[in-house]
Protein backbone atom coordinates (compact mmCIF):
# COMPACT_ATOMS: atom_id res chain seq x y z
CA ASP A 1 -9.24 2.97 -11.42
CA PRO A 2 -10.20 4.79 -13.72
CA MET A 3 -7.50 2.89 -16.36
CA SER A 4 -8.05 -0.73 -15.19
CA GLY A 5 -6.30 -2.16 -17.74
CA THR A 6 -6.31 -5.86 -16.77
CA GLY A 7 -7.91 -5.36 -13.60
CA SER A 8 -4.21 -5.45 -11.48
CA THR A 9 -5.88 -2.73 -8.82
CA GLN A 10 -9.55 -4.56 -8.12
CA VAL A 11 -7.76 -8.01 -7.82
CA ALA A 12 -5.21 -6.88 -5.05
CA ALA A 13 -8.35 -5.04 -3.79
CA LEU A 14 -10.92 -7.61 -3.46
CA LYS A 15 -7.38 -9.74 -1.96
CA ALA A 16 -7.15 -7.02 0.39
CA GLY A 17 -10.65 -7.81 1.60
CA ARG A 18 -11.76 -4.44 -0.34
CA ASN A 19 -14.46 -4.24 -2.94
CA ALA A 20 -13.06 -2.92 -6.11
CA TYR A 21 -14.36 -0.71 -8.75
CA GLY A 22 -13.18 0.79 -12.06
CA THR A 23 -13.66 1.78 -15.74
CA GLU A 24 -11.74 0.53 -18.84
CA LEU A 25 -11.81 1.98 -22.01
CA SER A 26 -10.35 -1.29 -24.04
CA ASP A 27 -12.84 -3.74 -24.43
CA PHE A 28 -10.10 -6.56 -24.80
CA PHE A 29 -8.65 -5.45 -21.49
CA ALA A 30 -12.64 -4.80 -20.08
CA GLY A 31 -12.92 -8.58 -20.83
CA ILE A 32 -9.71 -9.95 -18.85
CA ALA A 33 -9.95 -7.62 -16.11
CA GLN A 34 -13.78 -8.87 -15.37
CA GLN A 35 -12.80 -12.82 -15.64
CA ARG A 36 -9.76 -11.88 -12.83
CA CYS A 37 -12.34 -10.25 -10.68
CA GLN A 38 -14.60 -13.03 -11.28
CA ASN A 39 -12.49 -15.19 -10.33
CA ILE A 40 -11.86 -14.22 -6.90
CA VAL A 41 -15.16 -13.36 -6.14
CA GLN A 42 -17.04 -16.55 -7.49
CA PRO A 43 -14.25 -19.02 -8.48
CA THR A 44 -14.81 -21.78 -10.27
CA GLN A 45 -12.52 -24.39 -8.36
CA THR A 46 -12.60 -23.92 -4.55
CA ASP A 47 -11.04 -25.24 -1.25
CA LEU A 48 -13.31 -27.35 1.17
CA PHE A 49 -12.56 -24.86 3.57
CA LEU A 50 -12.20 -21.59 1.70
CA PRO A 51 -14.13 -19.12 3.26
CA GLU A 52 -17.04 -17.09 0.95
CA ASN A 53 -15.79 -14.16 -0.15
CA LYS A 54 -18.10 -11.14 0.35
CA GLN A 55 -16.54 -8.41 -2.04
CA HIS A 56 -18.05 -6.85 -3.97
CA PHE A 57 -16.51 -5.60 -7.49
CA LYS A 58 -18.28 -3.30 -10.73
CA LEU A 59 -15.51 -2.55 -13.48
CA LEU A 60 -17.36 -0.45 -16.92
CA ASN A 61 -16.03 -0.71 -20.58
CA LYS A 62 -16.02 3.09 -20.40
CA ASP A 63 -14.42 5.94 -21.31
CA ALA A 64 -12.70 7.52 -17.61
CA ARG A 65 -13.95 11.15 -18.85
CA LEU A 66 -17.17 10.38 -18.55
CA ILE A 67 -17.68 8.84 -14.69
CA ASN A 68 -20.30 10.10 -13.40
CA VAL A 69 -21.62 10.01 -9.76
CA HIS A 70 -24.52 6.84 -11.22
CA ASP A 71 -21.81 4.70 -11.83
CA PHE A 72 -19.88 4.16 -8.37
CA PRO A 73 -20.94 4.20 -4.86
CA THR A 74 -18.93 6.96 -3.13
CA ILE A 75 -14.86 5.70 -3.54
CA ASP A 76 -13.11 6.46 -0.27
CA TYR A 77 -9.69 5.77 -2.46
CA LEU A 78 -8.03 5.89 -5.72
CA ILE A 79 -5.15 4.02 -6.80
CA THR A 80 -4.10 4.00 -10.22
CA SER A 81 -1.17 4.01 -13.18
CA PRO A 82 -1.63 5.73 -16.13
CA PRO A 83 -0.58 5.14 -19.43
CA TYR A 84 2.51 6.78 -20.61
CA TRP A 85 0.98 9.05 -22.93
CA ASP A 86 1.42 7.48 -26.55
CA MET A 87 5.03 5.64 -25.64
CA LEU A 88 3.89 2.01 -26.27
CA ASN A 89 2.88 2.90 -29.81
CA MET A 90 6.40 4.06 -30.91
CA LYS A 91 7.48 1.54 -33.36
CA GLY A 92 10.77 0.13 -33.31
CA ALA A 93 11.39 1.24 -29.70
CA GLU A 94 13.42 -1.13 -27.05
CA ASN A 95 9.73 -1.27 -25.00
CA GLN A 96 7.93 -2.41 -28.59
CA ALA A 97 10.47 -4.99 -29.35
CA LYS A 98 10.11 -6.65 -26.18
CA ARG A 99 6.09 -7.09 -25.91
CA VAL A 100 6.23 -7.93 -29.60
CA GLU A 101 8.80 -11.07 -28.33
CA LYS A 102 6.63 -11.80 -25.78
CA GLY A 103 3.69 -11.85 -27.62
CA LEU A 104 1.64 -8.76 -25.75
CA GLN A 105 -0.25 -5.93 -27.41
CA THR A 106 1.89 -3.00 -29.03
CA ASN A 107 -0.94 -0.49 -28.39
CA TYR A 108 -3.67 0.31 -26.02
CA SER A 109 -6.41 -0.27 -28.40
CA GLU A 110 -7.29 1.41 -31.65
CA ASN A 111 -9.12 4.05 -30.22
CA GLU A 112 -9.08 6.98 -31.14
CA ASP A 113 -10.12 8.40 -27.67
CA ASP A 114 -7.73 6.44 -25.81
CA LEU A 115 -4.90 8.25 -24.29
CA GLY A 116 -2.47 6.38 -25.28
CA ASN A 117 -2.89 7.20 -28.82
CA ILE A 118 -2.70 11.19 -28.17
CA ALA A 119 0.08 12.35 -30.46
CA ASP A 120 0.65 15.75 -28.39
CA TYR A 121 2.27 15.59 -24.88
CA GLU A 122 0.07 18.89 -23.80
CA ALA A 123 -3.22 17.54 -25.01
CA PHE A 124 -2.23 14.13 -23.74
CA ILE A 125 -1.63 15.56 -19.80
CA ASN A 126 -4.79 17.94 -20.36
CA ASP A 127 -6.96 14.88 -20.66
CA LEU A 128 -5.31 13.00 -18.19
CA VAL A 129 -6.35 15.88 -15.91
CA GLN A 130 -9.60 15.83 -16.65
CA VAL A 131 -9.91 12.45 -15.51
CA TYR A 132 -8.95 12.72 -12.30
CA LEU A 133 -10.95 15.76 -11.66
CA ASN A 134 -14.26 13.69 -13.27
CA VAL A 135 -13.46 11.03 -11.16
CA LEU A 136 -14.00 13.41 -7.80
CA ASP A 137 -17.05 14.02 -8.40
CA VAL A 138 -17.64 10.11 -7.14
CA MET A 139 -14.70 10.44 -3.96
CA LYS A 140 -15.94 11.28 -0.63
CA PRO A 141 -14.45 14.50 0.30
CA GLY A 142 -10.97 14.30 2.25
CA SER A 143 -9.80 10.51 0.21
CA HIS A 144 -6.63 10.12 -1.23
CA LEU A 145 -5.56 9.43 -4.60
CA THR A 146 -2.48 7.72 -5.65
CA ILE A 147 -0.44 8.22 -9.30
CA VAL A 148 2.04 5.57 -10.18
CA VAL A 149 3.87 7.38 -12.32
CA LYS A 150 7.16 8.45 -13.85
CA ASN A 151 8.70 10.99 -15.94
CA ILE A 152 9.57 10.25 -19.58
CA LYS A 153 12.11 10.23 -22.42
CA LYS A 154 10.74 10.48 -25.69
CA LYS A 155 13.28 10.87 -28.89
CA GLY A 156 16.12 12.18 -26.97
CA ARG A 157 13.86 14.23 -24.98
CA ASN A 158 12.94 14.13 -21.22
CA TYR A 159 8.92 14.82 -20.70
CA PRO A 160 8.50 15.47 -16.46
CA PHE A 161 5.32 14.21 -16.69
CA ALA A 162 4.89 13.67 -12.84
CA TRP A 163 5.91 16.82 -12.43
CA ASP A 164 3.54 18.26 -14.84
CA LEU A 165 0.43 15.63 -13.87
CA ALA A 166 0.84 17.17 -10.33
CA ASP A 167 1.38 20.72 -11.18
CA LYS A 168 -1.86 20.81 -12.79
CA LEU A 169 -3.56 18.90 -10.25
CA MET A 170 -2.64 21.52 -7.38
CA THR A 171 -5.36 23.18 -8.84
CA HIS A 172 -7.90 21.36 -7.23
CA LEU A 173 -6.04 18.74 -4.93
CA THR A 174 -3.82 18.74 -1.87
CA LEU A 175 0.36 17.24 -3.00
CA LEU A 176 1.67 15.03 -0.32
CA PRO A 177 4.88 13.91 -0.43
CA GLU A 178 5.65 12.03 -3.39
CA VAL A 179 7.03 8.78 -2.55
CA PHE A 180 9.92 7.08 -4.47
CA TRP A 181 9.66 3.37 -5.86
CA CYS A 182 12.52 1.43 -5.80
CA GLN A 183 12.30 -0.87 -8.77
CA ASP A 184 15.81 -2.73 -8.57
CA ASP A 185 14.51 -5.09 -10.73
CA ILE A 186 15.82 -2.23 -13.82
CA ASN A 187 19.16 -1.16 -13.98
CA LEU A 188 20.44 2.37 -13.98
CA ALA A 189 21.24 3.42 -17.01
CA PRO A 190 24.44 6.51 -16.72
CA TYR A 191 23.83 8.34 -19.69
CA GLY A 192 24.98 12.05 -17.91
CA TYR A 193 23.86 15.41 -18.12
CA GLY A 194 20.73 16.20 -20.21
CA ASN A 195 19.77 12.36 -19.53
CA THR A 196 17.02 10.69 -18.02
CA PHE A 197 17.13 7.42 -15.71
CA VAL A 198 14.75 4.94 -14.11
């Protein structure tokens, strides 16, 4: 996962008996991810009959746009959920209010290179595409990648983020049928024509 956050992708891979790799730009989140993975590979508290974990992980505190073939072995599969543009930075947004209430960070990082800090939509999409095209250099031919993404509504305007990203990536990749994830813990919002829904 080139945008690992707190390492959920790596944790799931390790628990499934796979090796896990990734990068994370934020020092804060990279530290959390490293600790979570380490606790699986070498737990501090072990059961008497817990089998030895032979999985390997490598998580670099690095900008995904700078990944190169020396960073990782050949990758078989990539799964990621990228930042939703600069939505986390939107002051006064409902999502930000919920994060404040829970004591969570209200931005991904202060780093100006962070994709979540790019204000221009086209620049954000182009940089995100560059991340994925860069990662292709360390992926096995014929391998697959899954991007968990949804469209964005910002200040009353709809941005077809999922489809804009797919359109740009199709110049280098083959788009397989999209899969819709039914998040039935989130209510539908019937705002009518011209609006979006989750």
